[in-house]
Amino acid sequence: IMNQSMMANWNFKLKKGVDATELEEMILKEFIPAYEENFAGIKLFLLKSDRGTNQGEYSILLVFDSIDERNEWWPAQDQSSDKAEEAAGRMAEMYEKLQSMIEMGTGNDWLVIK
């Protein structure tokens, strides 16, 4: 089971006054490429809810090849590895830009059953 695929998500909303198109372009053209470069092996996808209780809200989906790969970056909940801390340090300006545009919500890690 340790080779099972993993996904994680970060849910968020736009801050008041932030243009949705501007946010989406920044995430797609700047944040995702920088993240995938600094956190090698993790693939990111931007999701937007178009129906349901979270309509209009966003999530970033992280895809890992395995639990082991996720654990290389985050060995336990709310615990980053040195490797993750270094990568996050390189992303500091990008994180600040993203955080100026969004209100973070909850997140989860998901095992891919099938």
C-alpha atoms as a PDB file:
ATOM      1  CA  ILE A   1       0.000   0.000   0.000  1.00  0.00           C
ATOM      2  CA  MET A   2       2.970   2.395   0.446  1.00  0.00           C
ATOM      3  CA  ASN A   3       3.258   2.742  -3.342  1.00  0.00           C
ATOM      4  CA  GLN A   4      -0.339   3.883  -3.601  1.00  0.00           C
ATOM      5  CA  SER A   5      -0.951   7.216  -5.339  1.00  0.00           C
ATOM      6  CA  MET A   6      -1.749  10.252  -3.208  1.00  0.00           C
ATOM      7  CA  MET A   7      -3.498  13.533  -3.790  1.00  0.00           C
ATOM      8  CA  ALA A   8      -3.872  16.544  -1.554  1.00  0.00           C
ATOM      9  CA  ASN A   9      -5.940  19.681  -1.916  1.00  0.00           C
ATOM     10  CA  TRP A  10      -5.911  23.240  -0.590  1.00  0.00           C
ATOM     11  CA  ASN A  11      -9.303  24.966  -0.688  1.00  0.00           C
ATOM     12  CA  PHE A  12      -9.505  28.747  -0.900  1.00  0.00           C
ATOM     13  CA  LYS A  13     -11.688  31.735  -1.785  1.00  0.00           C
ATOM     14  CA  LEU A  14     -10.881  35.016  -3.471  1.00  0.00           C
ATOM     15  CA  LYS A  15     -10.280  37.991  -1.210  1.00  0.00           C
ATOM     16  CA  LYS A  16     -12.719  40.850  -1.766  1.00  0.00           C
ATOM     17  CA  GLY A  17     -11.716  43.020  -4.683  1.00  0.00           C
ATOM     18  CA  VAL A  18      -9.542  40.367  -6.361  1.00  0.00           C
ATOM     19  CA  ASP A  19     -10.358  39.668  -9.994  1.00  0.00           C
ATOM     20  CA  ALA A  20     -10.946  35.942 -10.629  1.00  0.00           C
ATOM     21  CA  THR A  21      -9.310  36.006 -14.067  1.00  0.00           C
ATOM     22  CA  GLU A  22      -6.225  37.738 -12.666  1.00  0.00           C
ATOM     23  CA  LEU A  23      -5.952  35.135  -9.892  1.00  0.00           C
ATOM     24  CA  GLU A  24      -6.407  32.207 -12.273  1.00  0.00           C
ATOM     25  CA  GLU A  25      -3.784  33.557 -14.681  1.00  0.00           C
ATOM     26  CA  MET A  26      -1.299  34.143 -11.851  1.00  0.00           C
ATOM     27  CA  ILE A  27      -1.773  30.610 -10.518  1.00  0.00           C
ATOM     28  CA  LEU A  28      -1.586  28.969 -13.944  1.00  0.00           C
ATOM     29  CA  LYS A  29       1.268  31.039 -15.400  1.00  0.00           C
ATOM     30  CA  GLU A  30       3.367  31.805 -12.315  1.00  0.00           C
ATOM     31  CA  PHE A  31       2.521  29.796  -9.196  1.00  0.00           C
ATOM     32  CA  ILE A  32       2.102  26.302 -10.661  1.00  0.00           C
ATOM     33  CA  PRO A  33       5.263  26.400 -12.816  1.00  0.00           C
ATOM     34  CA  ALA A  34       7.324  27.748  -9.888  1.00  0.00           C
ATOM     35  CA  TYR A  35       5.861  25.180  -7.496  1.00  0.00           C
ATOM     36  CA  GLU A  36       6.463  22.249  -9.838  1.00  0.00           C
ATOM     37  CA  GLU A  37      10.040  23.427 -10.390  1.00  0.00           C
ATOM     38  CA  ASN A  38      10.779  23.767  -6.657  1.00  0.00           C
ATOM     39  CA  PHE A  39       8.785  20.746  -5.465  1.00  0.00           C
ATOM     40  CA  ALA A  40      10.040  18.281  -8.088  1.00  0.00           C
ATOM     41  CA  GLY A  41       7.731  15.331  -8.729  1.00  0.00           C
ATOM     42  CA  ILE A  42       4.540  17.015  -7.507  1.00  0.00           C
ATOM     43  CA  LYS A  43       1.957  17.964 -10.151  1.00  0.00           C
ATOM     44  CA  LEU A  44      -0.516  20.772  -9.440  1.00  0.00           C
ATOM     45  CA  PHE A  45      -3.945  21.473 -10.905  1.00  0.00           C
ATOM     46  CA  LEU A  46      -6.223  24.456 -10.322  1.00  0.00           C
ATOM     47  CA  LEU A  47      -9.868  23.516  -9.713  1.00  0.00           C
ATOM     48  CA  LYS A  48     -12.936  25.773  -9.538  1.00  0.00           C
ATOM     49  CA  SER A  49     -16.323  24.635  -8.274  1.00  0.00           C
ATOM     50  CA  ASP A  50     -19.130  25.431 -10.689  1.00  0.00           C
ATOM     51  CA  ARG A  51     -21.952  23.737  -8.722  1.00  0.00           C
ATOM     52  CA  GLY A  52     -22.764  22.787  -5.164  1.00  0.00           C
ATOM     53  CA  THR A  53     -22.178  24.319  -1.759  1.00  0.00           C
ATOM     54  CA  ASN A  54     -18.719  25.601  -2.704  1.00  0.00           C
ATOM     55  CA  GLN A  55     -19.747  27.112  -6.043  1.00  0.00           C
ATOM     56  CA  GLY A  56     -17.242  29.716  -7.202  1.00  0.00           C
ATOM     57  CA  GLU A  57     -14.562  28.568  -4.760  1.00  0.00           C
ATOM     58  CA  TYR A  58     -11.198  27.124  -5.728  1.00  0.00           C
ATOM     59  CA  SER A  59      -8.895  24.285  -4.827  1.00  0.00           C
ATOM     60  CA  ILE A  60      -5.346  23.447  -5.795  1.00  0.00           C
ATOM     61  CA  LEU A  61      -4.905  19.714  -6.284  1.00  0.00           C
ATOM     62  CA  LEU A  62      -1.462  18.221  -5.645  1.00  0.00           C
ATOM     63  CA  VAL A  63      -0.748  14.820  -7.188  1.00  0.00           C
ATOM     64  CA  PHE A  64       1.970  12.528  -5.833  1.00  0.00           C
ATOM     65  CA  ASP A  65       3.118   9.225  -7.343  1.00  0.00           C
ATOM     66  CA  SER A  66       3.118   7.574  -3.918  1.00  0.00           C
ATOM     67  CA  ILE A  67       2.687   8.005  -0.183  1.00  0.00           C
ATOM     68  CA  ASP A  68       6.473   7.783   0.103  1.00  0.00           C
ATOM     69  CA  GLU A  69       6.866  10.760  -2.227  1.00  0.00           C
ATOM     70  CA  ARG A  70       4.422  12.832  -0.160  1.00  0.00           C
ATOM     71  CA  ASN A  71       6.255  11.780   3.004  1.00  0.00           C
ATOM     72  CA  GLU A  72       9.586  12.967   1.564  1.00  0.00           C
ATOM     73  CA  TRP A  73       8.127  16.481   1.613  1.00  0.00           C
ATOM     74  CA  TRP A  74       5.763  16.229   4.594  1.00  0.00           C
ATOM     75  CA  PRO A  75       6.615  13.276   6.879  1.00  0.00           C
ATOM     76  CA  ALA A  76       3.666  13.946   9.206  1.00  0.00           C
ATOM     77  CA  GLN A  77       0.676  16.244   9.357  1.00  0.00           C
ATOM     78  CA  ASP A  78       1.798  19.863   9.818  1.00  0.00           C
ATOM     79  CA  GLN A  79       5.459  18.785   9.600  1.00  0.00           C
ATOM     80  CA  SER A  80       7.673  19.794   6.674  1.00  0.00           C
ATOM     81  CA  SER A  81      10.938  18.086   5.805  1.00  0.00           C
ATOM     82  CA  ASP A  82      14.129  20.126   5.401  1.00  0.00           C
ATOM     83  CA  LYS A  83      13.699  19.590   1.654  1.00  0.00           C
ATOM     84  CA  ALA A  84      10.194  21.131   1.797  1.00  0.00           C
ATOM     85  CA  GLU A  85      11.381  24.033   3.958  1.00  0.00           C
ATOM     86  CA  GLU A  86      14.117  24.825   1.426  1.00  0.00           C
ATOM     87  CA  ALA A  87      11.665  24.665  -1.479  1.00  0.00           C
ATOM     88  CA  ALA A  88       9.169  26.852   0.384  1.00  0.00           C
ATOM     89  CA  GLY A  89      11.927  29.367   1.059  1.00  0.00           C
ATOM     90  CA  ARG A  90      12.574  29.652  -2.668  1.00  0.00           C
ATOM     91  CA  MET A  91       8.825  30.194  -3.146  1.00  0.00           C
ATOM     92  CA  ALA A  92       8.447  32.891  -0.444  1.00  0.00           C
ATOM     93  CA  GLU A  93       7.636  35.763  -2.826  1.00  0.00           C
ATOM     94  CA  MET A  94       5.221  33.593  -4.798  1.00  0.00           C
ATOM     95  CA  TYR A  95       3.439  32.477  -1.596  1.00  0.00           C
ATOM     96  CA  GLU A  96       3.140  36.116  -0.496  1.00  0.00           C
ATOM     97  CA  LYS A  97       1.622  37.073  -3.842  1.00  0.00           C
ATOM     98  CA  LEU A  98      -0.870  34.195  -3.673  1.00  0.00           C
ATOM     99  CA  GLN A  99      -1.785  34.908  -0.053  1.00  0.00           C
ATOM    100  CA  SER A 100      -2.468  38.556  -0.907  1.00  0.00           C
ATOM    101  CA  MET A 101      -5.198  37.350  -3.287  1.00  0.00           C
ATOM    102  CA  ILE A 102      -6.856  34.476  -1.408  1.00  0.00           C
ATOM    103  CA  GLU A 103      -8.360  33.372   1.890  1.00  0.00           C
ATOM    104  CA  MET A 104      -7.086  29.868   2.656  1.00  0.00           C
ATOM    105  CA  GLY A 105      -9.574  27.242   3.699  1.00  0.00           C
ATOM    106  CA  THR A 106      -9.108  23.639   4.641  1.00  0.00           C
ATOM    107  CA  GLY A 107      -7.022  20.978   2.992  1.00  0.00           C
ATOM    108  CA  ASN A 108      -6.796  17.217   2.982  1.00  0.00           C
ATOM    109  CA  ASP A 109      -4.560  14.395   1.831  1.00  0.00           C
ATOM    110  CA  TRP A 110      -6.301  11.656  -0.142  1.00  0.00           C
ATOM    111  CA  LEU A 111      -5.290   8.057  -0.917  1.00  0.00           C
ATOM    112  CA  VAL A 112      -6.222   7.013  -4.434  1.00  0.00           C
ATOM    113  CA  ILE A 113      -8.209   3.795  -3.935  1.00  0.00           C
ATOM    114  CA  LYS A 114      -8.702   3.140  -7.647  1.00  0.00           C
END
